[in-house]
Protein backbone atom coordinates (compact mmCIF):
# COMPACT_ATOMS: atom_id res chain seq x y z
CA MET A 1 0.00 0.00 0.00
CA ASN A 2 3.04 2.31 0.37
CA LEU A 3 1.56 4.13 3.32
CA ARG A 4 3.00 7.51 4.26
CA ALA A 5 0.70 8.12 7.22
CA VAL A 6 -1.68 6.43 9.60
CA LEU A 7 -4.49 8.23 11.42
CA PHE A 8 -6.16 6.89 14.53
CA ASP A 9 -9.41 7.33 16.37
CA LEU A 10 -8.99 7.67 20.14
CA ASP A 11 -11.84 6.34 22.29
CA ASP A 12 -12.48 2.60 22.00
CA THR A 13 -9.61 2.35 19.51
CA LEU A 14 -6.43 3.28 21.39
CA HIS A 15 -8.08 4.37 24.63
CA ASP A 16 -9.88 1.69 26.64
CA LYS A 17 -12.70 4.00 27.60
CA SER A 18 -14.69 1.49 29.67
CA ALA A 19 -11.63 0.46 31.71
CA THR A 20 -10.90 4.11 32.41
CA LEU A 21 -14.50 4.77 33.42
CA ARG A 22 -14.48 1.80 35.80
CA ALA A 23 -11.34 3.15 37.47
CA VAL A 24 -12.79 6.66 37.79
CA ALA A 25 -16.09 5.27 39.09
CA ALA A 26 -14.24 3.40 41.84
CA LYS A 27 -12.26 6.49 42.82
CA GLN A 28 -15.35 8.67 42.95
CA TYR A 29 -17.31 6.06 44.88
CA ALA A 30 -14.63 6.20 47.56
CA SER A 31 -13.96 9.95 47.49
CA GLY A 32 -17.66 10.79 47.52
CA GLU A 33 -18.31 8.32 50.37
CA LEU A 34 -21.23 7.01 48.35
CA SER A 35 -21.64 3.94 50.54
CA SER A 36 -23.06 6.30 53.16
CA PHE A 37 -25.98 6.90 50.79
CA GLY A 38 -26.74 3.19 50.68
CA ILE A 39 -25.35 2.81 47.17
CA HIS A 40 -23.72 -0.48 46.24
CA GLU A 41 -20.43 0.02 44.41
CA SER A 42 -21.30 -2.47 41.66
CA GLU A 43 -24.58 -0.66 40.97
CA TRP A 44 -22.81 2.69 40.88
CA GLU A 45 -20.09 1.42 38.53
CA SER A 46 -22.53 -0.24 36.16
CA LEU A 47 -24.69 2.84 35.66
CA TYR A 48 -21.67 5.18 35.68
CA VAL A 49 -20.01 3.35 32.81
CA ALA A 50 -23.24 2.90 30.86
CA LEU A 51 -24.20 6.58 31.04
CA ASN A 52 -20.72 7.82 30.21
CA ASN A 53 -20.67 5.61 27.13
CA LEU A 54 -23.79 7.30 25.79
CA ARG A 55 -23.37 10.21 23.40
CA ILE A 56 -24.85 12.77 25.78
CA GLU A 57 -23.37 15.75 27.58
CA LYS A 58 -21.51 15.01 30.82
CA THR A 59 -23.80 17.40 32.66
CA GLU A 60 -26.68 15.13 31.66
CA VAL A 61 -24.74 12.05 32.76
CA PHE A 62 -24.23 13.41 36.24
CA SER A 63 -27.77 14.75 36.45
CA ARG A 64 -29.03 11.23 35.80
CA LEU A 65 -26.68 9.81 38.42
CA ARG A 66 -27.96 12.41 40.89
CA ASP A 67 -31.56 11.51 40.19
CA GLN A 68 -31.02 7.74 40.20
CA PHE A 69 -29.17 7.70 43.52
CA SER A 70 -30.82 10.74 45.17
CA LEU A 71 -27.49 12.51 45.65
CA PRO A 72 -27.07 16.12 46.84
CA SER A 73 -26.56 18.55 43.96
CA GLY A 74 -23.40 19.95 45.53
CA LEU A 75 -21.80 16.52 45.68
CA VAL A 76 -22.70 15.78 42.07
CA GLU A 77 -21.24 19.08 40.94
CA SER A 78 -17.97 18.26 42.67
CA LEU A 79 -17.91 14.79 41.09
CA LEU A 80 -18.43 16.32 37.64
CA ALA A 81 -15.63 18.83 38.21
CA ASP A 82 -13.34 16.02 39.37
CA PHE A 83 -14.28 13.97 36.29
CA ASP A 84 -13.33 16.79 33.92
CA LYS A 85 -10.11 17.60 35.75
CA ASN A 86 -8.71 14.17 36.53
CA LEU A 87 -10.04 11.54 34.11
CA GLY A 88 -7.23 12.16 31.63
CA ALA A 89 -4.57 11.17 34.15
CA THR A 90 -6.43 7.89 34.72
CA ALA A 91 -6.79 7.06 31.00
CA LYS A 92 -5.94 3.45 30.19
CA PRO A 93 -4.69 2.26 26.81
CA TYR A 94 -5.67 -1.00 25.17
CA VAL A 95 -3.00 -3.69 25.12
CA GLY A 96 -0.63 -2.90 22.28
CA ALA A 97 -1.79 0.70 21.76
CA LEU A 98 1.50 2.41 22.58
CA ASP A 99 3.56 -0.17 20.69
CA LEU A 100 1.31 0.29 17.66
CA VAL A 101 1.68 4.06 17.52
CA ARG A 102 5.40 4.04 18.30
CA SER A 103 6.10 1.34 15.72
CA CYS A 104 4.31 3.27 12.99
CA LYS A 105 6.37 6.32 13.86
CA ALA A 106 9.60 4.33 13.97
CA GLN A 107 8.86 2.91 10.51
CA GLY A 108 8.76 6.42 9.07
CA MET A 109 5.01 6.91 8.86
CA LYS A 110 3.47 10.18 9.95
CA VAL A 111 0.98 9.68 12.77
CA GLY A 112 -2.25 11.62 13.23
CA LEU A 113 -5.23 11.37 15.54
CA VAL A 114 -8.83 12.41 14.83
CA THR A 115 -11.31 12.34 17.70
CA ASN A 116 -14.71 13.65 18.62
CA GLY A 117 -14.95 15.39 21.98
CA ARG A 118 -14.07 18.52 23.88
CA ASP A 119 -10.60 19.70 22.91
CA ALA A 120 -8.99 20.06 26.35
CA PHE A 121 -10.67 16.90 27.65
CA GLN A 122 -9.47 14.76 24.73
CA ARG A 123 -5.98 16.23 24.94
CA SER A 124 -5.80 15.34 28.63
CA LYS A 125 -6.50 11.69 27.75
CA ILE A 126 -3.80 11.72 25.10
CA ILE A 127 -1.30 13.02 27.65
CA GLY A 128 -2.45 10.47 30.23
CA LEU A 129 -2.04 7.65 27.72
CA GLY A 130 1.49 8.78 26.87
CA LEU A 131 0.64 9.29 23.20
CA GLY A 132 1.33 12.99 22.76
CA GLU A 133 4.99 12.85 21.83
CA ASN A 134 4.27 10.33 19.07
CA LEU A 135 1.70 12.43 17.20
CA ASP A 136 2.47 14.61 14.20
CA ALA A 137 -1.09 15.96 14.03
CA LEU A 138 -4.10 16.03 16.32
CA VAL A 139 -7.59 17.19 15.39
CA THR A 140 -10.50 17.23 17.84
CA SER A 141 -14.10 18.01 17.00
CA GLY A 142 -14.14 20.47 19.89
CA GLY A 143 -11.17 22.34 18.46
CA LEU A 144 -12.27 22.28 14.83
CA GLY A 145 -16.01 22.62 15.32
CA ILE A 146 -16.70 19.64 13.04
CA LYS A 147 -17.53 16.09 14.17
CA LYS A 148 -16.93 12.72 12.60
CA PRO A 149 -18.28 11.36 10.32
CA ASP A 150 -17.95 14.70 8.51
CA SER A 151 -15.06 14.11 6.13
CA ARG A 152 -13.75 17.63 6.69
CA ILE A 153 -12.29 16.63 10.05
CA PHE A 154 -10.32 13.86 8.30
CA ARG A 155 -9.21 16.24 5.58
CA ALA A 156 -7.97 18.71 8.20
CA CYS A 157 -5.69 16.10 9.71
CA LEU A 158 -4.43 14.94 6.31
CA GLN A 159 -3.60 18.53 5.42
CA MET A 160 -1.70 18.98 8.67
CA LEU A 161 0.31 15.87 7.82
CA ASP A 162 0.74 17.02 4.20
CA VAL A 163 -0.32 13.65 2.75
CA GLU A 164 -2.86 12.58 0.17
CA PRO A 165 -5.75 10.33 1.29
CA HIS A 166 -4.67 7.38 -0.87
CA THR A 167 -1.30 7.27 0.92
CA ALA A 168 -2.88 7.13 4.39
CA ALA A 169 -4.76 4.61 6.52
CA PHE A 170 -7.35 5.24 9.18
CA VAL A 171 -7.72 2.97 12.21
CA GLY A 172 -11.01 3.17 14.11
CA ASP A 173 -13.67 1.12 15.84
CA ASP A 174 -16.86 2.74 14.53
CA PHE A 175 -17.77 1.75 10.97
CA ALA A 176 -20.13 4.67 10.35
CA ALA A 177 -18.01 7.36 11.99
CA ASP A 178 -14.54 6.08 11.08
CA MET A 179 -14.54 3.59 8.23
CA GLN A 180 -17.22 5.10 6.00
CA PRO A 181 -15.69 8.60 5.68
CA ALA A 182 -12.18 7.17 5.36
CA LEU A 183 -13.33 4.97 2.47
CA GLU A 184 -15.13 7.87 0.81
CA LEU A 185 -11.90 9.87 0.89
CA GLY A 186 -9.91 7.02 -0.62
CA MET A 187 -8.00 6.10 2.54
CA GLN A 188 -7.18 2.55 3.56
CA ALA A 189 -9.73 1.63 6.23
CA ILE A 190 -8.58 -0.55 9.11
CA TRP A 191 -11.41 -1.59 11.38
CA LYS A 192 -10.69 -2.36 15.04
CA SER A 193 -13.42 -4.94 15.32
CA ALA A 194 -13.98 -8.66 15.61
CA ALA A 195 -16.42 -8.27 12.72
CA THR A 196 -15.33 -8.28 9.09
CA SER A 197 -16.24 -6.35 5.97
CA PRO A 198 -15.09 -6.73 2.37
CA ARG A 199 -14.88 -2.94 2.19
CA VAL A 200 -12.00 -2.55 4.63
CA ALA A 201 -8.34 -3.36 4.08
CA PHE A 202 -8.06 -5.23 7.37
CA SER A 203 -10.09 -5.87 10.51
CA SER A 204 -9.15 -7.22 13.93
CA ASP A 205 -9.92 -6.39 17.53
CA SER A 206 -6.23 -6.98 18.35
CA LEU A 207 -4.01 -3.93 18.12
CA ASN A 208 -0.99 -6.22 17.86
CA GLU A 209 -2.47 -7.77 14.71
CA ILE A 210 -3.26 -4.32 13.33
CA ARG A 211 0.33 -3.31 14.07
CA ALA A 212 1.68 -6.27 12.08
CA PHE A 213 -0.59 -5.42 9.15
CA LEU A 214 0.40 -1.75 9.09
CA LEU A 215 4.12 -2.45 9.30
CA SER A 216 3.82 -4.79 6.33
CA ALA A 217 2.23 -1.98 4.33
CA VAL A 218 5.03 0.57 4.58
């Protein structure tokens, strides 16, 4: 494929979002002394992760937690502030994520990242994951004002990397938001999924297998 660049999605591709949320839920359960409200930790964690995985504003997430568990508004506000400030430092990568990005860089490929989300919040995750120094370009929907699957956010990253779409690959977990626009632009689509599709160049839910495929394509 003679790839010059590889672009990555962040959440649920390199960043193990659910693992991070479980860790933050446990910390907040303890710091908020939620057992004193008669809340079971497993119940708290389950709803916490489920709500934070929905595509809704974080204010809405914490409002629903407040209502479900009858928590004081002041406590919920402090938990939300803590979430925004400290989640990035708790961010957990998938197995093989750092090796994948570093190996692409070491093989001479330019590395970009395209992610939906608030700019500062997404950047804090990237720092927490230890990815920042390996990126040649980073585009967030919060910073650009355009969300995936709009192809313009992909084009912005390609322009920053100074590469043409047909010389780049995109690695992501969401077919509609990641694979579809990448294919429409003429990029090589690599789907982080146990499912398969004849439309993509490669698919696997193992980042180590994706790494091997990408390094063979340089």
